[in-house]
N, C-alpha and C. Protein backbone atom coordinates (compact mmCIF):
# COMPACT_ATOMS: atom_id res chain seq x y z
N UNK A 1 58.32 -4.65 -8.60
CA UNK A 1 59.00 -3.18 -7.51
C UNK A 1 59.66 -3.69 -6.04
N UNK A 2 59.34 -4.81 -5.84
CA UNK A 2 60.47 -5.31 -4.58
C UNK A 2 61.22 -5.78 -4.99
N UNK A 3 62.01 -6.00 -5.76
CA UNK A 3 63.12 -6.53 -6.44
C UNK A 3 63.82 -5.20 -6.95
N UNK A 4 63.38 -4.09 -6.86
CA UNK A 4 63.96 -2.93 -7.35
C UNK A 4 63.91 -2.64 -9.19
N UNK A 5 63.55 -3.74 -9.51
CA UNK A 5 63.11 -3.15 -10.87
C UNK A 5 62.44 -1.86 -11.63
N UNK A 6 61.24 -2.10 -10.68
CA UNK A 6 60.74 -0.70 -10.74
C UNK A 6 60.29 0.35 -9.75
N UNK A 7 60.23 1.65 -9.96
CA UNK A 7 60.33 2.58 -9.32
C UNK A 7 59.45 3.53 -9.59
N UNK A 8 58.59 3.97 -8.83
CA UNK A 8 57.36 4.71 -8.68
C UNK A 8 57.46 6.08 -7.72
N UNK A 9 57.40 7.40 -8.28
CA UNK A 9 57.32 8.29 -7.15
C UNK A 9 56.18 8.44 -6.37
N UNK A 10 54.64 7.91 -6.97
CA UNK A 10 53.68 7.91 -6.08
C UNK A 10 52.88 6.37 -5.90
N UNK A 11 52.50 5.67 -4.96
CA UNK A 11 51.80 4.68 -5.34
C UNK A 11 50.56 4.75 -4.36
N UNK A 12 49.37 4.15 -5.38
CA UNK A 12 48.19 4.45 -4.41
C UNK A 12 47.55 3.19 -3.98
N UNK A 13 47.13 2.78 -2.83
CA UNK A 13 46.74 1.67 -2.19
C UNK A 13 45.07 1.85 -2.69
N UNK A 14 44.69 1.19 -3.46
CA UNK A 14 43.25 0.97 -3.73
C UNK A 14 42.87 0.55 -3.12
N UNK A 15 43.30 -0.46 -1.90
CA UNK A 15 42.08 -1.35 -0.74
C UNK A 15 41.84 -0.15 0.24
N UNK A 16 42.02 1.46 0.22
CA UNK A 16 41.68 2.19 0.86
C UNK A 16 40.71 3.09 0.12
N UNK A 17 40.10 2.24 -1.01
CA UNK A 17 39.28 3.39 -1.63
C UNK A 17 37.54 2.78 -1.74
N UNK A 18 36.73 3.14 -1.10
CA UNK A 18 35.08 2.72 -0.95
C UNK A 18 34.82 2.22 -2.42
N UNK A 19 34.10 1.39 -2.17
CA UNK A 19 33.33 0.96 -3.47
C UNK A 19 33.82 0.01 -4.67
N UNK A 20 34.93 -0.35 -4.08
CA UNK A 20 35.82 -1.17 -5.24
C UNK A 20 35.92 -2.56 -4.91
N UNK A 21 35.58 -3.17 -3.83
CA UNK A 21 35.65 -4.58 -3.36
C UNK A 21 34.37 -5.43 -3.19
N UNK A 22 33.44 -4.85 -4.36
CA UNK A 22 32.23 -6.04 -4.30
C UNK A 22 31.18 -5.64 -5.66
N UNK A 23 30.44 -6.36 -6.19
CA UNK A 23 29.68 -6.29 -7.01
C UNK A 23 28.41 -5.95 -6.43
N UNK A 24 27.81 -5.01 -7.15
CA UNK A 24 26.30 -4.48 -6.77
C UNK A 24 25.27 -3.99 -7.96
N UNK A 25 24.53 -3.33 -7.45
CA UNK A 25 23.68 -2.51 -8.72
C UNK A 25 22.96 -1.32 -8.38
N UNK A 26 23.38 -0.49 -9.46
CA UNK A 26 23.07 0.70 -9.19
C UNK A 26 22.08 1.44 -10.42
N UNK A 27 21.10 1.64 -10.25
CA UNK A 27 19.97 2.27 -11.50
C UNK A 27 20.01 0.82 -12.52
N UNK A 28 19.75 -0.08 -11.77
CA UNK A 28 19.37 -1.49 -12.61
C UNK A 28 20.65 -1.76 -13.16
N UNK A 29 21.80 -1.78 -12.93
CA UNK A 29 22.93 -1.61 -13.79
C UNK A 29 24.23 -2.21 -12.64
N UNK A 30 24.58 -3.51 -13.38
CA UNK A 30 25.74 -4.23 -12.40
C UNK A 30 26.80 -3.59 -12.73
N UNK A 31 27.27 -3.40 -10.88
CA UNK A 31 28.68 -2.65 -11.06
C UNK A 31 29.60 -3.80 -10.29
N UNK A 32 30.71 -3.63 -10.77
CA UNK A 32 31.88 -4.74 -10.50
C UNK A 32 32.91 -3.69 -9.54
N UNK A 33 33.52 -3.63 -8.72
CA UNK A 33 34.73 -2.53 -8.19
C UNK A 33 35.72 -3.56 -8.90
N UNK A 34 36.95 -2.52 -8.98
CA UNK A 34 38.25 -2.94 -9.52
C UNK A 34 39.13 -4.20 -8.56
N UNK A 35 38.64 -4.22 -7.61
CA UNK A 35 39.26 -5.18 -6.52
C UNK A 35 38.69 -6.39 -6.52
N UNK A 36 37.51 -6.68 -7.25
CA UNK A 36 36.88 -7.45 -6.80
C UNK A 36 37.65 -8.82 -7.66
N UNK A 37 37.92 -10.09 -6.91
CA UNK A 37 38.82 -11.35 -7.40
C UNK A 37 37.81 -12.07 -8.45
N UNK A 38 38.65 -12.48 -9.32
CA UNK A 38 37.92 -13.59 -10.55
C UNK A 38 37.14 -14.38 -9.73
N UNK A 39 37.46 -14.90 -8.44
CA UNK A 39 36.51 -15.98 -7.86
C UNK A 39 35.48 -15.57 -7.49
N UNK A 40 35.56 -14.26 -6.65
CA UNK A 40 34.45 -13.27 -6.21
C UNK A 40 33.05 -13.45 -7.26
N UNK A 41 33.94 -12.68 -8.38
CA UNK A 41 32.96 -13.02 -9.43
C UNK A 41 31.92 -14.10 -9.85
N UNK A 42 33.00 -15.25 -10.04
CA UNK A 42 32.08 -16.55 -10.52
C UNK A 42 31.33 -16.79 -9.30
N UNK A 43 31.60 -16.56 -8.25
CA UNK A 43 30.59 -17.03 -7.18
C UNK A 43 29.58 -16.25 -6.55
N UNK A 44 29.53 -14.80 -7.05
CA UNK A 44 28.48 -13.94 -6.54
C UNK A 44 27.28 -14.48 -6.96
N UNK A 45 26.46 -14.81 -6.75
CA UNK A 45 24.84 -14.61 -6.68
C UNK A 45 24.12 -14.14 -7.66
N UNK A 46 24.61 -12.34 -7.45
CA UNK A 46 24.13 -11.54 -8.24
C UNK A 46 24.89 -11.30 -9.56
N UNK A 47 26.12 -11.73 -9.49
CA UNK A 47 26.78 -11.80 -11.42
C UNK A 47 26.28 -12.75 -11.52
N UNK A 48 25.84 -13.91 -10.75
CA UNK A 48 25.34 -15.17 -11.64
C UNK A 48 24.14 -14.91 -12.16
N UNK A 49 22.95 -14.23 -11.28
CA UNK A 49 21.83 -14.22 -11.80
C UNK A 49 21.99 -12.58 -13.00
N UNK A 50 22.62 -12.19 -12.74
CA UNK A 50 22.59 -10.69 -13.81
C UNK A 50 23.47 -10.94 -15.09
N UNK A 51 24.30 -11.83 -14.72
CA UNK A 51 25.13 -11.97 -16.05
C UNK A 51 26.01 -13.00 -15.76
N UNK A 52 25.41 -14.39 -16.31
CA UNK A 52 25.83 -15.72 -16.04
C UNK A 52 27.25 -15.72 -16.87
N UNK A 53 27.21 -15.40 -17.91
CA UNK A 53 28.17 -15.40 -18.91
C UNK A 53 29.68 -15.16 -18.65
N UNK A 54 29.45 -13.82 -17.61
CA UNK A 54 30.71 -13.50 -16.81
C UNK A 54 30.95 -14.28 -15.49
N UNK A 55 30.31 -14.67 -15.11
CA UNK A 55 30.54 -15.51 -14.09
C UNK A 55 31.12 -16.89 -14.39
N UNK A 56 30.53 -17.76 -15.48
CA UNK A 56 30.97 -18.18 -16.09
C UNK A 56 32.58 -18.38 -16.27
N UNK A 57 32.43 -17.07 -17.02
CA UNK A 57 34.03 -16.76 -17.59
C UNK A 57 34.87 -17.24 -16.60
N UNK A 58 34.85 -16.05 -15.56
CA UNK A 58 35.48 -15.54 -14.43
C UNK A 58 35.81 -17.11 -14.11
N UNK A 59 35.20 -18.02 -13.77
CA UNK A 59 35.30 -19.33 -13.08
C UNK A 59 36.28 -19.94 -13.85
N UNK A 60 36.72 -19.57 -14.85
CA UNK A 60 37.76 -20.58 -15.84
C UNK A 60 38.95 -19.88 -16.01
N UNK A 61 39.05 -18.67 -15.19
CA UNK A 61 40.36 -17.66 -15.86
C UNK A 61 41.51 -18.61 -14.88
N UNK A 62 42.36 -18.69 -15.42
CA UNK A 62 43.91 -19.17 -15.32
C UNK A 62 43.74 -20.27 -14.52
N UNK A 63 44.07 -20.35 -13.45
CA UNK A 63 44.21 -21.19 -12.33
C UNK A 63 43.20 -20.85 -11.28
N UNK A 64 43.29 -21.61 -10.27
CA UNK A 64 42.43 -21.16 -8.53
C UNK A 64 43.46 -20.18 -8.32
N UNK A 65 44.91 -20.38 -7.91
CA UNK A 65 45.31 -19.11 -7.29
C UNK A 65 45.30 -17.67 -8.05
N UNK A 66 45.54 -17.73 -9.27
CA UNK A 66 45.05 -16.48 -9.90
C UNK A 66 43.61 -15.88 -9.55
N UNK A 67 42.54 -17.13 -9.80
CA UNK A 67 41.02 -16.64 -9.33
C UNK A 67 41.34 -16.07 -7.97
N UNK A 68 41.53 -16.69 -6.75
CA UNK A 68 41.63 -15.84 -5.89
C UNK A 68 42.53 -15.09 -5.62
N UNK A 69 43.34 -14.49 -6.13
CA UNK A 69 43.99 -13.25 -5.79
C UNK A 69 43.78 -12.02 -6.98
N UNK A 70 43.74 -12.43 -8.39
CA UNK A 70 43.69 -11.87 -9.52
C UNK A 70 42.66 -11.32 -9.35
N UNK A 71 42.32 -9.85 -9.82
CA UNK A 71 40.94 -8.93 -9.77
C UNK A 71 40.40 -8.36 -11.15
N UNK A 72 39.24 -8.39 -11.51
CA UNK A 72 39.19 -8.00 -13.19
C UNK A 72 39.64 -6.70 -13.42
N UNK A 73 39.95 -5.73 -12.14
CA UNK A 73 40.33 -4.44 -12.38
C UNK A 73 41.79 -4.61 -12.87
N UNK A 74 42.25 -5.38 -12.27
CA UNK A 74 44.09 -6.10 -12.40
C UNK A 74 43.91 -6.45 -13.91
N UNK A 75 43.07 -7.14 -14.39
CA UNK A 75 43.08 -7.78 -15.64
C UNK A 75 42.76 -6.70 -16.81
N UNK A 76 42.01 -5.82 -16.46
CA UNK A 76 41.63 -4.52 -17.32
C UNK A 76 42.71 -3.80 -17.91
N UNK A 77 43.46 -3.54 -16.22
CA UNK A 77 44.53 -2.60 -16.37
C UNK A 77 45.79 -3.34 -16.93
N UNK A 78 45.94 -4.45 -16.92
CA UNK A 78 47.28 -4.91 -17.67
C UNK A 78 46.95 -5.33 -19.37
N UNK A 79 45.88 -4.92 -19.67
CA UNK A 79 45.54 -4.42 -21.28
C UNK A 79 46.43 -5.60 -22.32
N UNK A 80 46.17 -6.78 -21.78
CA UNK A 80 46.53 -7.94 -22.19
C UNK A 80 45.37 -8.12 -23.78
N UNK A 81 46.48 -8.23 -24.81
CA UNK A 81 45.51 -8.18 -25.95
C UNK A 81 44.49 -9.38 -25.99
N UNK A 82 44.89 -10.29 -25.46
CA UNK A 82 43.93 -11.37 -25.74
C UNK A 82 42.80 -12.00 -24.42
N UNK A 83 42.87 -10.71 -23.38
CA UNK A 83 41.80 -10.97 -22.49
C UNK A 83 40.76 -11.07 -22.63
N UNK A 84 40.47 -12.61 -22.15
CA UNK A 84 39.02 -13.22 -22.50
C UNK A 84 38.00 -11.99 -21.42
N UNK A 85 38.17 -11.62 -20.83
CA UNK A 85 37.32 -10.75 -19.65
C UNK A 85 36.92 -9.68 -20.52
N UNK A 86 37.85 -8.96 -20.75
CA UNK A 86 38.07 -7.51 -21.76
C UNK A 86 37.46 -8.13 -22.96
N UNK A 87 37.39 -8.94 -23.58
CA UNK A 87 36.86 -9.29 -24.66
C UNK A 87 35.16 -9.67 -24.79
N UNK A 88 34.66 -10.36 -23.96
CA UNK A 88 33.34 -10.77 -23.19
C UNK A 88 32.69 -8.97 -23.07
N UNK A 89 33.53 -8.50 -22.23
CA UNK A 89 33.06 -7.18 -21.72
C UNK A 89 32.56 -6.21 -22.95
N UNK A 90 33.60 -5.84 -23.99
CA UNK A 90 33.31 -5.08 -25.22
C UNK A 90 31.89 -5.79 -25.82
N UNK A 91 32.08 -6.73 -25.90
CA UNK A 91 30.72 -7.74 -26.49
C UNK A 91 29.82 -7.43 -25.88
N UNK A 92 30.01 -6.98 -24.76
CA UNK A 92 28.48 -6.59 -23.88
C UNK A 92 28.19 -5.25 -23.80
N UNK A 93 28.88 -4.45 -24.23
CA UNK A 93 29.10 -2.93 -24.01
C UNK A 93 29.20 -2.67 -22.77
N UNK A 94 30.32 -2.92 -22.13
CA UNK A 94 30.37 -2.73 -20.68
C UNK A 94 31.24 -1.40 -20.88
N UNK A 95 31.14 -0.77 -19.88
CA UNK A 95 31.72 0.76 -19.79
C UNK A 95 32.36 0.51 -17.99
N UNK A 96 33.61 1.06 -18.52
CA UNK A 96 34.54 1.32 -17.29
C UNK A 96 34.35 2.97 -16.71
N UNK A 97 34.30 3.05 -15.05
CA UNK A 97 34.36 4.63 -14.62
C UNK A 97 35.37 4.87 -13.80
N UNK A 98 35.77 5.62 -14.15
CA UNK A 98 37.15 5.81 -13.21
C UNK A 98 37.21 7.67 -12.26
N UNK A 99 38.16 7.44 -11.68
CA UNK A 99 38.10 8.90 -10.97
C UNK A 99 39.70 9.22 -10.95
N UNK A 100 40.05 10.63 -10.91
CA UNK A 100 41.33 10.72 -10.95
C UNK A 100 41.26 12.42 -11.14
N UNK A 101 42.71 13.21 -11.12
CA UNK A 101 42.63 14.60 -10.64
C UNK A 101 42.26 15.27 -11.86
N UNK A 102 41.98 14.60 -12.85
CA UNK A 102 41.43 15.52 -14.00
C UNK A 102 39.90 15.08 -14.06
N UNK A 103 39.15 14.29 -12.69
CA UNK A 103 37.57 14.33 -12.42
C UNK A 103 37.33 12.81 -12.94
N UNK A 104 36.02 12.60 -12.67
CA UNK A 104 35.71 11.44 -12.92
C UNK A 104 35.17 11.33 -14.54
N UNK A 105 35.08 9.91 -14.99
CA UNK A 105 34.42 9.81 -16.05
C UNK A 105 33.99 8.18 -16.72
N UNK A 106 33.15 8.13 -17.32
CA UNK A 106 32.79 6.78 -17.72
C UNK A 106 33.12 6.43 -19.34
N UNK A 107 33.33 5.56 -19.59
CA UNK A 107 33.85 5.12 -20.91
C UNK A 107 33.62 3.64 -21.53
N UNK A 108 33.07 3.55 -22.78
CA UNK A 108 33.04 2.47 -23.11
C UNK A 108 34.31 1.34 -22.77
N UNK A 109 34.65 0.32 -22.77
CA UNK A 109 35.71 -0.84 -22.53
C UNK A 109 36.66 -0.67 -23.21
N UNK A 110 35.95 -0.72 -24.47
CA UNK A 110 37.17 -0.49 -25.71
C UNK A 110 38.10 0.62 -25.96
N UNK A 111 37.53 1.50 -25.35
CA UNK A 111 38.11 2.98 -25.32
C UNK A 111 39.16 2.81 -24.43
N UNK A 112 39.16 2.01 -23.38
CA UNK A 112 40.19 1.87 -22.32
C UNK A 112 41.60 1.11 -22.76
N UNK A 113 41.69 0.59 -23.70
CA UNK A 113 43.17 0.00 -23.80
C UNK A 113 43.40 1.10 -25.17
N UNK A 114 44.53 1.55 -25.04
CA UNK A 114 45.44 2.21 -25.88
C UNK A 114 45.96 1.55 -26.73
N UNK A 115 46.88 0.74 -26.63
CA UNK A 115 47.52 -0.71 -27.27
C UNK A 115 47.71 -1.61 -26.30
N UNK A 116 48.48 -2.58 -27.32
CA UNK A 116 48.44 -4.00 -26.11
C UNK A 116 49.42 -3.44 -25.14
N UNK A 117 49.11 -3.94 -23.73
CA UNK A 117 49.40 -3.66 -22.33
C UNK A 117 49.62 -2.39 -22.03
N UNK A 118 48.98 -1.12 -22.67
CA UNK A 118 48.86 -0.09 -22.33
C UNK A 118 47.60 0.16 -22.24
N UNK A 119 46.78 1.00 -21.04
CA UNK A 119 45.72 1.73 -20.96
C UNK A 119 45.95 3.01 -21.61
N UNK A 120 44.84 3.43 -21.49
CA UNK A 120 44.49 5.29 -21.66
C UNK A 120 45.30 6.19 -20.23
N UNK A 121 45.10 5.01 -19.22
CA UNK A 121 46.17 6.09 -18.32
C UNK A 121 47.35 6.03 -18.04
N UNK A 122 47.80 5.32 -19.03
CA UNK A 122 49.47 5.71 -19.25
C UNK A 122 50.21 4.26 -18.88
N UNK A 123 51.35 4.02 -19.22
CA UNK A 123 52.10 2.65 -19.18
C UNK A 123 52.46 2.63 -17.54
N UNK A 124 52.71 1.38 -17.33
CA UNK A 124 52.73 1.15 -15.88
C UNK A 124 53.93 0.96 -15.53
């Protein structure tokens, strides 16, 4: 976008949306906000206690720079066919919660990906 290769009519700054910046528990379920970095997941005592497999996987994502800035939500939104986090979360029957103009919904993580590099929310 900064180089002019991509243009969008509307951009939403997710940093202003409450509830996306940390792991938490609700109704005995582990919740991980879309803006939580790979490093924060790997280091989270809550994630390490409740889902050590995810914490371990996140500690080995890419390189330290990607772990420090990349997010689980971004990883899932990219819909990379060989995404390790998506594969693990599918095996664990994880779900994705979304909110938008058509309302709120919860769906299995396997239903999020429409095709390689595209989610059901549309092309990027």
